[in-house]
């Protein structure tokens, strides 16, 4: 396994790790589309630390609440942990 420093972590790198680290059953489940996408996204956020204040993919969102894209009470910021995890899962699905 290649060790990365925090500033080298990208969505593509996390997607590549998921393809290696998740079980064949989990990946088949993801590929099938018969799942709660939110549950899979939560696993990505939790397993890869997207809620951590200093995570390079979400740090800006944590540190600059004034820059968030909130519409009708919903945060649509590209660097919100929910949106990053959904993007990562899209990358994974594209590889399956």
N, C-alpha and C. Protein backbone atom coordinates (compact mmCIF):
# COMPACT_ATOMS: atom_id res chain seq x y z
N UNK A 1 0.84 -1.17 0.00
CA UNK A 1 0.00 0.00 0.00
C UNK A 1 0.89 1.24 0.00
N UNK A 2 0.54 2.19 -0.83
CA UNK A 2 1.26 3.45 -0.88
C UNK A 2 0.79 4.34 0.25
N UNK A 3 1.70 4.86 1.02
CA UNK A 3 1.35 5.78 2.09
C UNK A 3 1.32 7.19 1.51
N UNK A 4 0.28 7.91 1.83
CA UNK A 4 0.13 9.28 1.34
C UNK A 4 0.14 10.22 2.53
N UNK A 5 0.69 11.39 2.31
CA UNK A 5 0.55 12.42 3.33
C UNK A 5 -0.84 13.00 3.16
N UNK A 6 -1.32 13.68 4.16
CA UNK A 6 -2.70 14.18 4.13
C UNK A 6 -2.94 15.09 2.93
N UNK A 7 -1.97 15.90 2.55
CA UNK A 7 -2.21 16.83 1.45
C UNK A 7 -2.23 16.12 0.09
N UNK A 8 -1.84 14.85 0.04
CA UNK A 8 -1.85 14.10 -1.21
C UNK A 8 -3.14 13.30 -1.40
N UNK A 9 -4.03 13.33 -0.46
CA UNK A 9 -5.26 12.55 -0.55
C UNK A 9 -6.21 13.24 -1.53
N UNK A 10 -6.69 12.45 -2.49
CA UNK A 10 -7.63 12.95 -3.49
C UNK A 10 -8.84 12.02 -3.51
N UNK A 11 -9.95 12.48 -4.09
CA UNK A 11 -11.10 11.57 -4.24
C UNK A 11 -10.73 10.32 -5.03
N UNK A 12 -9.90 10.49 -6.05
CA UNK A 12 -9.48 9.35 -6.87
C UNK A 12 -8.68 8.35 -6.05
N UNK A 13 -7.83 8.85 -5.16
CA UNK A 13 -7.05 7.96 -4.32
C UNK A 13 -7.95 7.18 -3.37
N UNK A 14 -8.92 7.86 -2.75
CA UNK A 14 -9.85 7.16 -1.85
C UNK A 14 -10.64 6.12 -2.64
N UNK A 15 -11.11 6.47 -3.83
CA UNK A 15 -11.84 5.50 -4.66
C UNK A 15 -10.98 4.28 -4.95
N UNK A 16 -9.71 4.50 -5.25
CA UNK A 16 -8.82 3.36 -5.53
C UNK A 16 -8.65 2.49 -4.28
N UNK A 17 -8.62 3.11 -3.10
CA UNK A 17 -8.51 2.35 -1.85
C UNK A 17 -9.77 1.54 -1.61
N UNK A 18 -10.93 2.12 -1.88
CA UNK A 18 -12.20 1.40 -1.70
C UNK A 18 -12.21 0.15 -2.58
N UNK A 19 -11.76 0.29 -3.81
CA UNK A 19 -11.75 -0.85 -4.73
C UNK A 19 -10.86 -1.98 -4.23
N UNK A 20 -9.86 -1.65 -3.43
CA UNK A 20 -8.95 -2.67 -2.87
C UNK A 20 -9.43 -3.14 -1.50
N UNK A 21 -9.93 -2.23 -0.68
CA UNK A 21 -10.21 -2.53 0.73
C UNK A 21 -11.60 -3.10 0.97
N UNK A 22 -12.59 -2.72 0.18
CA UNK A 22 -13.93 -3.23 0.42
C UNK A 22 -14.02 -4.66 -0.10
N UNK A 23 -14.87 -5.44 0.52
CA UNK A 23 -15.02 -6.84 0.12
C UNK A 23 -15.68 -6.94 -1.25
N UNK A 24 -15.50 -8.09 -1.88
CA UNK A 24 -16.14 -8.33 -3.18
C UNK A 24 -17.66 -8.22 -3.04
N UNK A 25 -18.19 -8.67 -1.92
CA UNK A 25 -19.63 -8.60 -1.68
C UNK A 25 -20.09 -7.14 -1.58
N UNK A 26 -19.33 -6.32 -0.86
CA UNK A 26 -19.69 -4.90 -0.73
C UNK A 26 -19.64 -4.20 -2.09
N UNK A 27 -18.62 -4.50 -2.88
CA UNK A 27 -18.51 -3.88 -4.19
C UNK A 27 -19.61 -4.35 -5.13
N UNK A 28 -19.97 -5.63 -5.06
CA UNK A 28 -21.07 -6.15 -5.88
C UNK A 28 -22.38 -5.48 -5.47
N UNK A 29 -22.56 -5.29 -4.17
CA UNK A 29 -23.75 -4.61 -3.65
C UNK A 29 -23.80 -3.18 -4.17
N UNK A 30 -22.68 -2.50 -4.16
CA UNK A 30 -22.62 -1.13 -4.66
C UNK A 30 -22.92 -1.10 -6.16
N UNK A 31 -22.36 -2.03 -6.88
CA UNK A 31 -22.57 -2.09 -8.33
C UNK A 31 -24.03 -2.40 -8.68
N UNK A 32 -24.69 -3.18 -7.85
CA UNK A 32 -26.06 -3.61 -8.15
C UNK A 32 -27.07 -2.47 -8.13
N UNK A 33 -26.76 -1.43 -7.37
CA UNK A 33 -27.71 -0.33 -7.25
C UNK A 33 -28.86 -0.62 -6.31
N UNK A 34 -28.86 -1.79 -5.68
CA UNK A 34 -29.94 -2.17 -4.77
C UNK A 34 -29.52 -1.89 -3.32
N UNK A 35 -29.24 -0.66 -3.03
CA UNK A 35 -28.71 -0.29 -1.73
C UNK A 35 -29.17 1.12 -1.39
N UNK A 36 -28.95 1.47 -0.18
CA UNK A 36 -29.17 2.83 0.27
C UNK A 36 -27.86 3.58 0.05
N UNK A 37 -27.80 4.42 -0.98
CA UNK A 37 -26.57 5.13 -1.32
C UNK A 37 -26.06 5.91 -0.12
N UNK A 38 -26.98 6.44 0.70
CA UNK A 38 -26.59 7.19 1.89
C UNK A 38 -25.80 6.35 2.87
N UNK A 39 -26.15 5.08 3.01
CA UNK A 39 -25.42 4.20 3.92
C UNK A 39 -23.99 3.98 3.41
N UNK A 40 -23.85 3.79 2.12
CA UNK A 40 -22.51 3.61 1.55
C UNK A 40 -21.70 4.90 1.69
N UNK A 41 -22.35 6.03 1.44
CA UNK A 41 -21.66 7.32 1.56
C UNK A 41 -21.23 7.56 3.00
N UNK A 42 -22.06 7.17 3.95
CA UNK A 42 -21.70 7.33 5.36
C UNK A 42 -20.46 6.51 5.68
N UNK A 43 -20.37 5.30 5.12
CA UNK A 43 -19.19 4.47 5.34
C UNK A 43 -17.94 5.17 4.81
N UNK A 44 -18.04 5.80 3.65
CA UNK A 44 -16.91 6.53 3.08
C UNK A 44 -16.53 7.69 3.99
N UNK A 45 -17.52 8.48 4.41
CA UNK A 45 -17.23 9.64 5.28
C UNK A 45 -16.55 9.20 6.57
N UNK A 46 -17.05 8.14 7.16
CA UNK A 46 -16.50 7.69 8.44
C UNK A 46 -15.17 6.96 8.27
N UNK A 47 -15.08 6.05 7.32
CA UNK A 47 -13.87 5.25 7.14
C UNK A 47 -12.67 6.07 6.67
N UNK A 48 -12.93 7.12 5.91
CA UNK A 48 -11.84 7.92 5.35
C UNK A 48 -11.75 9.32 5.97
N UNK A 49 -12.43 9.51 7.11
CA UNK A 49 -12.24 10.70 7.93
C UNK A 49 -12.71 12.02 7.34
N UNK A 50 -13.72 12.00 6.49
CA UNK A 50 -14.15 13.26 5.85
C UNK A 50 -14.74 14.27 6.83
N UNK A 51 -15.17 13.82 8.01
CA UNK A 51 -15.69 14.76 9.01
C UNK A 51 -14.58 15.37 9.85
N UNK A 52 -13.35 14.89 9.71
CA UNK A 52 -12.24 15.45 10.49
C UNK A 52 -11.97 16.89 10.04
N UNK A 53 -11.76 17.75 11.02
CA UNK A 53 -11.58 19.18 10.76
C UNK A 53 -10.43 19.47 9.81
N UNK A 54 -9.37 18.66 9.87
CA UNK A 54 -8.19 18.94 9.05
C UNK A 54 -8.08 18.04 7.81
N UNK A 55 -9.16 17.35 7.44
CA UNK A 55 -9.10 16.50 6.25
C UNK A 55 -8.93 17.39 5.02
N UNK A 56 -7.96 17.10 4.16
CA UNK A 56 -7.67 18.01 3.04
C UNK A 56 -8.83 18.20 2.06
N UNK A 57 -9.71 17.22 1.94
CA UNK A 57 -10.83 17.36 1.00
C UNK A 57 -11.99 18.18 1.56
N UNK A 58 -12.06 18.29 2.88
CA UNK A 58 -13.19 19.00 3.50
C UNK A 58 -12.75 20.12 4.44
N UNK A 59 -11.47 20.35 4.56
CA UNK A 59 -10.95 21.35 5.49
C UNK A 59 -11.51 22.75 5.19
N UNK A 60 -11.57 23.12 3.94
CA UNK A 60 -12.10 24.44 3.58
C UNK A 60 -13.54 24.58 4.08
N UNK A 61 -14.33 23.55 3.90
CA UNK A 61 -15.73 23.58 4.36
C UNK A 61 -15.80 23.77 5.87
N UNK A 62 -14.94 23.07 6.60
CA UNK A 62 -14.92 23.19 8.06
C UNK A 62 -14.47 24.59 8.50
N UNK A 63 -13.47 25.12 7.83
CA UNK A 63 -12.84 26.36 8.29
C UNK A 63 -13.51 27.63 7.78
N UNK A 64 -14.35 27.52 6.75
CA UNK A 64 -14.95 28.71 6.15
C UNK A 64 -16.47 28.56 6.01
N UNK A 65 -17.17 28.54 7.12
CA UNK A 65 -18.63 28.38 7.03
C UNK A 65 -19.31 29.51 6.25
N UNK A 66 -18.68 30.65 6.19
CA UNK A 66 -19.26 31.76 5.45
C UNK A 66 -19.26 31.51 3.94
N UNK A 67 -18.46 30.56 3.48
CA UNK A 67 -18.36 30.28 2.04
C UNK A 67 -19.27 29.13 1.61
N UNK A 68 -20.03 28.57 2.52
CA UNK A 68 -20.87 27.42 2.19
C UNK A 68 -22.02 27.83 1.26
N UNK A 69 -22.42 26.91 0.41
CA UNK A 69 -23.50 27.12 -0.54
C UNK A 69 -24.79 26.52 0.01
N UNK A 70 -25.49 27.31 0.82
CA UNK A 70 -26.70 26.82 1.47
C UNK A 70 -27.92 27.39 0.74
N UNK A 71 -28.76 26.47 0.28
CA UNK A 71 -29.98 26.85 -0.44
C UNK A 71 -31.16 26.20 0.28
N UNK A 72 -32.10 27.03 0.71
CA UNK A 72 -33.29 26.54 1.43
C UNK A 72 -32.91 25.63 2.60
N UNK A 73 -31.85 25.99 3.31
CA UNK A 73 -31.44 25.25 4.49
C UNK A 73 -30.63 23.99 4.21
N UNK A 74 -30.33 23.72 2.95
CA UNK A 74 -29.56 22.53 2.59
C UNK A 74 -28.19 22.97 2.07
N UNK A 75 -27.14 22.34 2.61
CA UNK A 75 -25.78 22.69 2.23
C UNK A 75 -25.40 21.96 0.94
N UNK A 76 -25.23 22.71 -0.12
CA UNK A 76 -24.85 22.16 -1.43
C UNK A 76 -23.38 22.41 -1.75
N UNK A 77 -22.58 22.73 -0.76
CA UNK A 77 -21.16 23.02 -0.98
C UNK A 77 -20.47 21.79 -1.57
N UNK A 78 -19.64 22.02 -2.59
CA UNK A 78 -18.92 20.92 -3.21
C UNK A 78 -17.99 20.20 -2.24
N UNK A 79 -17.48 20.94 -1.24
CA UNK A 79 -16.54 20.34 -0.30
C UNK A 79 -17.20 19.88 1.01
N UNK A 80 -18.53 19.79 1.01
CA UNK A 80 -19.23 19.22 2.17
C UNK A 80 -18.93 17.72 2.20
N UNK A 81 -18.70 17.15 3.37
CA UNK A 81 -18.38 15.72 3.44
C UNK A 81 -19.39 14.82 2.74
N UNK A 82 -20.67 15.15 2.80
CA UNK A 82 -21.69 14.34 2.11
C UNK A 82 -21.45 14.36 0.61
N UNK A 83 -21.19 15.53 0.06
CA UNK A 83 -21.01 15.65 -1.38
C UNK A 83 -19.70 15.02 -1.85
N UNK A 84 -18.65 15.14 -1.06
CA UNK A 84 -17.38 14.50 -1.40
C UNK A 84 -17.56 12.98 -1.41
N UNK A 85 -18.25 12.44 -0.40
CA UNK A 85 -18.43 10.98 -0.34
C UNK A 85 -19.27 10.48 -1.51
N UNK A 86 -20.28 11.22 -1.91
CA UNK A 86 -21.10 10.83 -3.06
C UNK A 86 -20.26 10.86 -4.34
N UNK A 87 -19.42 11.86 -4.48
CA UNK A 87 -18.54 11.95 -5.64
C UNK A 87 -17.59 10.75 -5.69
N UNK A 88 -17.03 10.41 -4.55
CA UNK A 88 -16.11 9.26 -4.47
C UNK A 88 -16.83 7.98 -4.87
N UNK A 89 -18.05 7.79 -4.38
CA UNK A 89 -18.79 6.58 -4.74
C UNK A 89 -19.10 6.55 -6.23
N UNK A 90 -19.33 7.71 -6.82
CA UNK A 90 -19.52 7.76 -8.27
C UNK A 90 -18.27 7.30 -9.01
N UNK A 91 -17.10 7.71 -8.50
CA UNK A 91 -15.84 7.25 -9.09
C UNK A 91 -15.69 5.73 -8.98
N UNK A 92 -16.05 5.21 -7.81
CA UNK A 92 -15.95 3.76 -7.60
C UNK A 92 -16.88 3.03 -8.55
N UNK A 93 -18.15 3.48 -8.62
CA UNK A 93 -19.11 2.82 -9.51
C UNK A 93 -18.64 2.85 -10.96
N UNK A 94 -18.01 3.93 -11.37
CA UNK A 94 -17.51 4.03 -12.74
C UNK A 94 -16.41 3.00 -13.02
N UNK A 95 -15.71 2.58 -11.98
CA UNK A 95 -14.63 1.59 -12.12
C UNK A 95 -15.16 0.15 -12.09
N UNK A 96 -16.35 -0.03 -11.55
CA UNK A 96 -16.89 -1.40 -11.42
C UNK A 96 -17.49 -1.90 -12.72
